[in-house]
Amino acid sequence: MFLVALSFAYFAKALSGSYMKSTITQLERRFDIPSYLTGVIDGSFEIGNLLVIAFVSYFGAKLHRPKIIAMGCVLMAMGTFIIALPHFLIGRYKFETSIRSSVNSTNNLSPCPARLLSPACWNYSLSPSPFPVGCEGESNLSMWIYVFLGNVLRGIGETPVQPLGISYIDDFAREENAAFYIGCVQTIAVIGPVFGYLLGSLCAKIYVDIGFVNMESITISPGDARWVGAWWLGYLIAGVITLLSAIPFWFLPRSLPIPSDRGPAQCTPEQISFINDSPLLEHKYQADEPASFLEMAKDFIPTLKTLLGNPVYFIYLCVTIIQLNSLIGMVTYKPKYIEQHYGQSASKANFLMGTINIPAVALGIFTGGLLMKRLKLSIMGAAKFAFGTSLIGYFLSLFFFAMSCENAKVAGITLPYNRLFAANVNIRTACNSDCVCSDRDWDPVCGENGITYVSPCLAGCQTSTGSGKNTVFSNCSCVVVAGLSSGNLTASVGHCPHRDDCDRVFPYFLALSVITSFIISLGGTPGYMVLIRCIKPQLKSLALGFHTLSTRTLAGIPAPIYFGAIIDTTCLKWGQKRCGGRGACRIYNTTAYRIAYLGLTMGLRTVSFLLCILGFVLLKRHLRREERSAHQVANGGAELEVLRKEEVLASNSDQSLRTSTTDYNNTERETRL
């Protein structure tokens, strides 16, 4: 029952966590923030862990673990609801556009307003326009702060689930089943993101203000860089599921019956006496007696020093921190990479992550746990298995560099208006010089020549007909087809279809992504068991908690931030906030994005492999010391058995000799003992 309850809690927290990552681009566009700020929001979950995880892991192991997990699930649900709160506090979403429709007519005003102005007014029109009505009273506090604080609360609530839940299973499960049970829990934890990304895909298709706006008046589609889906809806659903996951833990006991193969039932009398007198094994097999807070606090620092003094644990910690920097940065921005590099919508990118990539990870983790149980891998065998799978996945990942796409054809940004002057890439040129256009607008249109233009004004379009998504712009002076004169060509709303070369490469990218995800995930459970088995039993909860604390502090928090900051450097065109200031990025240099994103991911993994070599050396020394200690204990047990037999013989001899030498014989027997 505890395994089922913990699996559901893992599912709930994984669903809400993956849904957060699926809404990265939605949050960027809704709050007009760059990628590094969404990285700060994503990393705030780990900040919540940082605040309490060391103390929860240490003190929680001495208290009622299931009830502490239940309280954590309630806090996670509250944090998830707070994340959705800004949607109900701010007004309707207004995206930037230069299309101005006349009232009650399908005939629009000229996209080229300068033709209606005298040259004396041009300088005024080219200057930044005043802020829109309502900006004066708008709060200076950015609404993304609520998302940040809600995610911090989610992190605080998630703290006890992993260290207390895993240590509870390992304490009361049969030793040969512990790895399999942990593999099951981790598999369920990876199934959660499947539904999280599918939920993200569904919500990304729905317009953010669905039910409050006339969808026929919306000129953008889900593939547009300004589209924002109903990001808030998924957080409400995830919050309800997380709240339900807390219920079973309130009814579970503090401790469970000890399995017969892990208790003293099958031990010799000497081992029974040792177990009963040993405080080390008392923690392993029995629930801790209540202790005062001060007594527990006194032991915290010495216990932590003992834990970090284990060289195998310390190297394992360093390796996982570096590898998780690579993994977290890659996973956080992978949907965005699919959107920007391969021209897919946010909905489709999330759908592919949920239906193709994540199931491969779940299958890999489950298979790894099953193989460890079937092969009965030792600590060294598990370490070699995890290292080998990671190395194979590393070499396969190098092929991602070859799966490239060209930049989207956007006039004035990625290519010149006139291809005869290829070196001159400027957003303004002779064909739109008669139009007073804003350089800040991003309202792309697709010309008949297959090239995207930043706005109908910059395309030199003079008239437009239709409304909404059916708007057609005519007499576009910048839309030129080779061999034909310009001036009579049209443009339609939105980006031009993506490049043909990407459509051919994208299936191979997905296939390789699935294969590498499966292979790397095979080493997940064996690698985790190395962590559990290389430490003393009484340090298990603290070791798991401190491992989670360190990886989330040094990987979970900084990785999304510096990955996002590096991705921001590849932006070619920034959006504009409604009340002034730089908004979210609208288009990236795909070549620079690919090199920065993949290069940083692979570089971090390269460093981690170098540390693994040192880790294997230390692990061998650690195992040799344990073998010598076990050999000494075995020899001591044999000597004790010989002495016991001698005692029995001496006792029989004493019973047959009731003479005056009794005192002497008793003294001799005591000396031998």
Foldseek 3Di string as FASTA:
>chain_A
DLLVLLLLLLLLLLLLLLLLLLCQLLVQLQLQHFQLVSLQLQLLLLVLLLVPQLPCLQVVLQDQLLLLLLQLLLLLLQLLLLLLVVLVVDDDGDAFALWAADPPFQWGAWSFCLVVDDPVCLVVLLDDDAFDPPPVVDDPDRPCVSSSVSSSSNSNSNNSSPLSSLLQLCLAPPPLCSLLSVLVSVLSSLLSSLVSLLLSLVQLQAACPPPNDDQQQAQDHLLASNTRGVSSVSSNVSSVSSNVSSPVSVPDGSHDAHDPVLDCPPPDPVVVVCCVPDPQCCSRHHRHDDDDPVVSVVCSVVLVVVQCVQVLLVLLLVLLLLLLLLVLLCSSCVLVLCCFFLVDGSSVSSNLCSPFQSNLLSVLSSLLSVCCSVVVDDLLRLLVLLLVLLVVLLVLLVCLLVLGDAFAAEDLFRAHLDNVCGVDRHLADDQLPSGSDHPQGAWWKAWPQRHIYRHQSSQQFTTWGGHHQAIKTAQRQSRDDPPDHGGGTIIGTDHGDDDPSSVVSVVVVSVSSSVSSSSNSSSVSSSVVSQQPLDRSVCSSSSVSVSSSSSSVSRVSCSSNVSSVQQVVQARHFHADSNGDTGYGRHGRSSSNSCSSSVSSSVSNVVSSVSVVVSSVSVVVSVVVVVVVVVVVVVVVVLVVVLVVVLVVLVVVLVVDPDPCNVVSVVVNVVSD
